[in-house]
N, C-alpha and C. Protein backbone atom coordinates (compact mmCIF):
# COMPACT_ATOMS: atom_id res chain seq x y z
N UNK A 1 -22.85 23.16 11.68
CA UNK A 1 -23.46 22.52 12.84
C UNK A 1 -24.92 22.96 12.96
N UNK A 2 -25.91 22.10 12.90
CA UNK A 2 -27.35 22.44 13.00
C UNK A 2 -27.57 23.21 14.41
N UNK A 3 -28.44 24.22 14.22
CA UNK A 3 -28.80 25.11 15.30
C UNK A 3 -30.30 24.78 15.74
N UNK A 4 -30.59 24.90 17.00
CA UNK A 4 -31.84 24.88 17.50
C UNK A 4 -32.41 26.40 17.59
N UNK A 5 -31.56 27.22 17.99
CA UNK A 5 -31.90 28.76 18.04
C UNK A 5 -30.69 29.33 17.56
N UNK A 6 -30.57 30.65 17.54
CA UNK A 6 -29.46 31.39 16.96
C UNK A 6 -28.26 31.13 17.75
N UNK A 7 -28.20 30.80 18.99
CA UNK A 7 -27.07 30.66 19.66
C UNK A 7 -26.78 29.28 20.39
N UNK A 8 -27.79 28.37 20.17
CA UNK A 8 -27.69 27.03 20.74
C UNK A 8 -27.70 25.91 19.57
N UNK A 9 -26.69 25.21 19.75
CA UNK A 9 -26.63 24.08 18.76
C UNK A 9 -27.31 22.78 19.18
N UNK A 10 -27.59 21.83 18.25
CA UNK A 10 -28.15 20.49 18.61
C UNK A 10 -27.03 19.78 19.44
N UNK A 11 -25.89 19.94 18.88
CA UNK A 11 -24.89 19.06 19.68
C UNK A 11 -24.77 19.52 21.12
N UNK A 12 -24.92 20.70 21.54
CA UNK A 12 -24.72 21.03 23.03
C UNK A 12 -25.90 20.64 23.75
N UNK A 13 -27.10 20.41 23.09
CA UNK A 13 -28.43 20.04 23.84
C UNK A 13 -28.71 18.55 23.77
N UNK A 14 -27.89 17.75 23.01
CA UNK A 14 -28.22 16.36 22.85
C UNK A 14 -27.78 15.51 23.96
N UNK A 15 -28.42 14.41 24.11
CA UNK A 15 -28.11 13.42 25.22
C UNK A 15 -26.70 12.90 25.04
N UNK A 16 -25.84 12.88 26.04
CA UNK A 16 -24.36 12.41 25.97
C UNK A 16 -24.33 10.95 25.60
N UNK A 17 -25.49 10.12 25.94
CA UNK A 17 -25.22 8.59 25.71
C UNK A 17 -25.65 8.25 24.28
N UNK A 18 -26.69 8.86 23.67
CA UNK A 18 -27.19 8.35 22.47
C UNK A 18 -27.33 9.44 21.37
N UNK A 19 -27.10 10.69 21.74
CA UNK A 19 -27.19 11.70 20.78
C UNK A 19 -28.65 12.22 20.49
N UNK A 20 -29.64 11.76 21.06
CA UNK A 20 -30.96 12.25 20.93
C UNK A 20 -31.00 13.58 21.38
N UNK A 21 -31.92 14.41 20.71
CA UNK A 21 -32.10 15.81 21.19
C UNK A 21 -33.65 16.16 20.93
N UNK A 22 -34.34 16.09 21.99
CA UNK A 22 -35.65 16.33 21.87
C UNK A 22 -35.97 17.51 22.89
N UNK A 23 -35.48 18.66 22.55
CA UNK A 23 -35.62 19.83 23.50
C UNK A 23 -37.02 20.48 23.15
N UNK A 24 -37.69 20.93 24.17
CA UNK A 24 -38.95 21.59 24.00
C UNK A 24 -38.77 22.96 23.38
N UNK A 25 -39.50 23.29 22.41
CA UNK A 25 -39.38 24.32 21.53
C UNK A 25 -39.63 25.62 22.23
N UNK A 26 -40.63 25.71 23.16
CA UNK A 26 -40.95 26.87 23.92
C UNK A 26 -39.77 27.15 24.87
N UNK A 27 -39.18 26.09 25.57
CA UNK A 27 -38.19 26.27 26.46
C UNK A 27 -36.94 26.75 25.80
N UNK A 28 -36.66 26.34 24.53
CA UNK A 28 -35.54 26.82 23.73
C UNK A 28 -35.72 28.33 23.44
N UNK A 29 -36.93 28.71 23.10
CA UNK A 29 -37.11 30.16 22.85
C UNK A 29 -36.94 31.01 23.95
N UNK A 30 -37.31 30.59 25.19
CA UNK A 30 -37.04 31.25 26.42
C UNK A 30 -35.53 31.39 26.76
N UNK A 31 -34.91 30.24 26.72
CA UNK A 31 -33.38 30.19 26.86
C UNK A 31 -32.80 31.07 26.01
N UNK A 32 -33.10 31.17 24.72
CA UNK A 32 -32.50 32.01 23.78
C UNK A 32 -32.70 33.54 24.11
N UNK A 33 -33.88 33.80 24.62
CA UNK A 33 -34.35 35.19 25.03
C UNK A 33 -33.36 35.57 26.24
N UNK A 34 -33.29 34.74 27.19
CA UNK A 34 -32.38 35.07 28.20
C UNK A 34 -30.89 35.19 27.88
N UNK A 35 -30.43 34.42 26.93
CA UNK A 35 -29.14 34.61 26.40
C UNK A 35 -29.06 35.92 25.62
N UNK A 36 -29.98 36.39 24.92
CA UNK A 36 -29.98 37.69 24.35
C UNK A 36 -30.03 38.90 25.23
N UNK A 37 -30.69 38.77 26.32
CA UNK A 37 -30.79 39.77 27.36
C UNK A 37 -29.51 39.90 28.08
N UNK A 38 -28.90 38.79 28.42
CA UNK A 38 -27.61 38.74 29.13
C UNK A 38 -26.48 39.27 28.21
N UNK A 39 -26.59 39.09 27.04
CA UNK A 39 -25.57 39.55 26.00
C UNK A 39 -24.23 38.90 26.24
N UNK A 40 -24.22 37.65 26.72
CA UNK A 40 -22.88 37.00 26.76
C UNK A 40 -23.29 35.52 26.58
N UNK A 41 -22.42 34.66 26.03
CA UNK A 41 -22.62 33.28 26.02
C UNK A 41 -22.40 32.53 27.27
N UNK A 42 -22.98 31.33 27.21
CA UNK A 42 -22.78 30.37 28.35
C UNK A 42 -22.72 28.97 27.82
N UNK A 43 -22.03 28.16 28.61
CA UNK A 43 -21.86 26.76 28.22
C UNK A 43 -22.85 25.86 29.05
N UNK A 44 -23.59 25.09 28.12
CA UNK A 44 -24.54 24.17 28.73
C UNK A 44 -23.78 22.86 29.03
N UNK A 45 -23.84 22.52 30.36
CA UNK A 45 -23.28 21.21 30.68
C UNK A 45 -24.17 19.98 30.49
N UNK A 46 -25.41 20.26 30.74
CA UNK A 46 -26.46 19.14 30.56
C UNK A 46 -27.68 19.70 30.07
N UNK A 47 -28.32 19.12 29.13
CA UNK A 47 -29.46 19.42 28.47
C UNK A 47 -30.51 18.26 28.45
N UNK A 48 -30.90 17.87 27.20
CA UNK A 48 -31.68 16.67 26.98
C UNK A 48 -31.05 15.41 27.45
N UNK A 49 -31.89 14.49 28.20
CA UNK A 49 -31.40 13.27 28.54
C UNK A 49 -32.40 12.16 28.22
N UNK A 50 -31.94 11.12 27.52
CA UNK A 50 -32.94 10.00 27.16
C UNK A 50 -33.29 9.34 28.44
N UNK A 51 -34.26 8.51 28.42
CA UNK A 51 -34.70 7.73 29.67
C UNK A 51 -33.61 6.92 30.22
N UNK A 52 -32.87 6.29 29.43
CA UNK A 52 -31.77 5.44 29.99
C UNK A 52 -30.78 6.19 30.69
N UNK A 53 -30.16 7.30 29.98
CA UNK A 53 -29.15 8.16 30.55
C UNK A 53 -29.79 8.92 31.89
N UNK A 54 -30.94 9.37 31.80
CA UNK A 54 -31.60 9.99 32.85
C UNK A 54 -31.70 9.09 34.13
N UNK A 55 -32.00 7.88 33.93
CA UNK A 55 -32.16 6.94 35.02
C UNK A 55 -30.76 6.66 35.61
N UNK A 56 -29.57 6.78 34.93
CA UNK A 56 -28.31 6.67 35.39
C UNK A 56 -27.85 7.94 36.20
N UNK A 57 -28.19 9.05 35.85
CA UNK A 57 -27.66 10.22 36.50
C UNK A 57 -28.67 10.91 37.51
N UNK A 58 -29.92 10.65 37.42
CA UNK A 58 -30.93 11.19 38.24
C UNK A 58 -31.91 10.27 38.99
N UNK A 59 -32.26 10.61 40.03
CA UNK A 59 -33.25 9.87 40.82
C UNK A 59 -34.64 10.19 40.40
N UNK A 60 -34.89 11.32 39.56
CA UNK A 60 -36.16 11.60 39.02
C UNK A 60 -36.38 11.23 37.75
N UNK A 61 -37.16 10.14 37.51
CA UNK A 61 -37.27 9.52 36.19
C UNK A 61 -38.09 10.34 35.37
N UNK A 62 -38.87 11.31 35.84
CA UNK A 62 -39.77 12.11 35.09
C UNK A 62 -39.19 13.58 35.14
N UNK A 63 -37.94 13.70 35.20
CA UNK A 63 -37.31 15.08 35.37
C UNK A 63 -37.37 15.92 34.24
N UNK A 64 -37.21 17.16 34.32
CA UNK A 64 -37.31 18.10 33.31
C UNK A 64 -36.20 17.90 32.16
N UNK A 65 -35.05 17.38 32.44
CA UNK A 65 -34.11 17.12 31.46
C UNK A 65 -34.66 16.05 30.49
N UNK A 66 -35.38 15.10 31.03
CA UNK A 66 -35.87 14.03 30.21
C UNK A 66 -37.02 14.50 29.37
N UNK A 67 -37.55 15.68 29.55
CA UNK A 67 -38.72 16.21 28.76
C UNK A 67 -38.18 17.32 27.94
N UNK A 68 -36.83 17.68 27.95
CA UNK A 68 -36.27 18.78 27.13
C UNK A 68 -36.71 20.12 27.75
N UNK A 69 -36.95 20.21 28.93
CA UNK A 69 -37.26 21.38 29.63
C UNK A 69 -36.45 22.03 30.64
N UNK A 70 -35.20 21.57 30.60
CA UNK A 70 -34.04 22.00 31.61
C UNK A 70 -32.78 22.00 31.04
N UNK A 71 -31.91 22.82 31.64
CA UNK A 71 -30.49 22.92 31.17
C UNK A 71 -29.63 23.17 32.57
N UNK A 72 -28.59 22.64 32.55
CA UNK A 72 -27.52 23.09 33.55
C UNK A 72 -26.44 23.96 32.85
N UNK A 73 -26.13 25.14 33.45
CA UNK A 73 -25.20 25.99 32.71
C UNK A 73 -24.05 26.28 33.55
N UNK A 74 -22.89 26.05 32.99
CA UNK A 74 -21.56 26.34 33.69
C UNK A 74 -21.39 27.74 33.73
N UNK A 75 -21.13 28.43 34.82
CA UNK A 75 -20.92 29.91 34.95
C UNK A 75 -20.05 30.10 35.97
N UNK A 76 -18.66 30.52 35.71
CA UNK A 76 -17.76 30.73 36.81
C UNK A 76 -17.65 32.18 37.11
N UNK A 77 -17.75 33.16 36.32
CA UNK A 77 -17.75 34.54 36.51
C UNK A 77 -18.92 34.91 37.36
N UNK A 78 -18.67 35.45 38.60
CA UNK A 78 -19.75 35.86 39.53
C UNK A 78 -20.67 36.88 39.06
N UNK A 79 -20.07 37.88 38.33
CA UNK A 79 -20.96 38.82 37.75
C UNK A 79 -22.02 38.41 36.65
N UNK A 80 -21.37 37.46 35.91
CA UNK A 80 -22.25 36.85 34.81
C UNK A 80 -23.26 35.93 35.53
N UNK A 81 -22.84 35.12 36.52
CA UNK A 81 -23.84 34.26 37.29
C UNK A 81 -25.01 35.18 37.87
N UNK A 82 -24.60 36.28 38.45
CA UNK A 82 -25.64 37.07 39.04
C UNK A 82 -26.61 37.63 37.96
N UNK A 83 -26.09 38.13 36.80
CA UNK A 83 -26.97 38.61 35.80
C UNK A 83 -27.87 37.54 35.14
N UNK A 84 -27.26 36.39 35.00
CA UNK A 84 -28.00 35.17 34.46
C UNK A 84 -29.15 34.85 35.47
N UNK A 85 -28.78 34.81 36.80
CA UNK A 85 -29.88 34.40 37.76
C UNK A 85 -30.93 35.56 37.88
N UNK A 86 -30.49 36.74 37.80
CA UNK A 86 -31.48 37.99 37.92
C UNK A 86 -32.39 37.82 36.75
N UNK A 87 -31.89 37.55 35.56
CA UNK A 87 -32.80 37.49 34.39
C UNK A 87 -33.64 36.31 34.39
N UNK A 88 -33.19 35.20 34.80
CA UNK A 88 -34.11 33.90 34.80
C UNK A 88 -35.07 34.08 36.02
N UNK A 89 -34.72 34.63 37.09
CA UNK A 89 -35.74 34.79 38.24
C UNK A 89 -36.82 35.79 37.69
N UNK A 90 -36.36 36.86 37.09
CA UNK A 90 -37.38 37.77 36.47
C UNK A 90 -38.31 37.28 35.28
N UNK A 91 -37.95 36.29 34.74
CA UNK A 91 -38.68 35.64 33.67
C UNK A 91 -39.66 34.67 34.25
N UNK A 92 -40.95 34.88 33.87
CA UNK A 92 -42.05 34.10 34.43
C UNK A 92 -42.00 32.63 34.02
N UNK A 93 -41.33 32.40 32.91
CA UNK A 93 -41.36 30.94 32.42
C UNK A 93 -40.58 30.00 33.18
N UNK A 94 -39.29 30.45 33.65
CA UNK A 94 -38.41 29.44 34.49
C UNK A 94 -38.89 29.57 35.97
N UNK A 95 -39.55 28.36 36.29
CA UNK A 95 -40.10 28.22 37.61
C UNK A 95 -39.15 27.26 38.56
N UNK A 96 -38.16 26.65 37.94
CA UNK A 96 -37.21 25.82 38.72
C UNK A 96 -35.82 26.34 38.39
N UNK A 97 -35.29 27.10 39.37
CA UNK A 97 -34.03 27.71 39.24
C UNK A 97 -33.24 27.19 40.44
N UNK A 98 -32.03 26.62 40.18
CA UNK A 98 -31.28 26.22 41.37
C UNK A 98 -29.69 26.56 41.13
N UNK A 99 -29.12 26.74 42.21
CA UNK A 99 -27.64 27.22 42.24
C UNK A 99 -26.83 25.96 42.74
N UNK A 100 -26.11 25.46 42.05
CA UNK A 100 -25.22 24.38 42.49
C UNK A 100 -23.81 24.93 42.54
N UNK A 101 -22.83 24.15 43.13
CA UNK A 101 -21.46 24.51 43.28
C UNK A 101 -20.81 24.91 41.95
N UNK A 102 -21.21 24.03 40.83
CA UNK A 102 -20.45 24.31 39.59
C UNK A 102 -21.39 24.64 38.35
N UNK A 103 -22.75 24.82 38.66
CA UNK A 103 -23.61 25.05 37.62
C UNK A 103 -24.93 25.73 38.16
N UNK A 104 -25.70 26.38 37.20
CA UNK A 104 -26.88 26.82 37.50
C UNK A 104 -27.96 26.00 36.67
N UNK A 105 -28.91 25.44 37.34
CA UNK A 105 -30.11 24.71 36.69
C UNK A 105 -31.23 25.76 36.42
N UNK A 106 -31.60 25.59 35.10
CA UNK A 106 -32.84 26.49 34.69
C UNK A 106 -33.87 25.40 34.23
N UNK A 107 -35.02 25.34 34.68
CA UNK A 107 -35.96 24.41 34.26
C UNK A 107 -37.30 25.06 34.26
N UNK A 108 -38.25 24.60 33.39
CA UNK A 108 -39.58 25.11 33.29
C UNK A 108 -40.24 25.00 34.65
N UNK A 109 -40.03 23.91 35.25
CA UNK A 109 -40.62 23.74 36.56
C UNK A 109 -42.11 23.50 36.65
N UNK A 110 -42.43 23.41 37.93
CA UNK A 110 -43.82 23.19 38.30
C UNK A 110 -44.16 23.89 39.65
N UNK A 111 -45.23 23.68 40.08
CA UNK A 111 -45.71 24.36 41.33
C UNK A 111 -45.01 23.92 42.62
N UNK A 112 -44.41 22.68 42.61
CA UNK A 112 -43.68 22.16 43.80
C UNK A 112 -42.29 22.50 43.86
N UNK A 113 -41.71 23.01 42.65
CA UNK A 113 -40.42 23.38 42.65
C UNK A 113 -40.27 24.96 42.75
N UNK A 114 -39.15 25.37 42.96
CA UNK A 114 -38.93 26.96 43.09
C UNK A 114 -37.46 27.16 42.99
N UNK A 115 -37.01 28.43 43.35
CA UNK A 115 -35.68 28.79 43.40
C UNK A 115 -35.04 28.02 44.54
N UNK A 116 -33.80 27.48 44.34
CA UNK A 116 -33.25 26.72 45.45
C UNK A 116 -31.72 26.71 45.25
N UNK A 117 -31.15 26.00 46.29
CA UNK A 117 -29.68 25.89 46.23
C UNK A 117 -29.33 24.43 46.39
N UNK A 118 -28.62 23.77 45.59
CA UNK A 118 -28.23 22.37 45.69
C UNK A 118 -27.05 22.23 46.68
């Protein structure tokens, strides 16, 4: 299976409707760095979204998933969730971090976004 980074495959990052995978290179390097610091794996629920799929699942047509600069990560263990959040918040790259009921969103973000709870 082709890999984007040491721990992340094309398959887990591709759009679920068309299979396109246009993840941002720098974003993937930073995500890999967080993965190595945490020293445990995590499941990506949602990564790249093509325009058609993004319009179906999001009200933000210019969202970070559509530009390959965001992932949603499933994390049930509270200690691992805390470690992942702590490392992501401490990383200057991820400016859009959100905690949802079933996932953690990590995005490159912009000045209007920040740490939040869905």
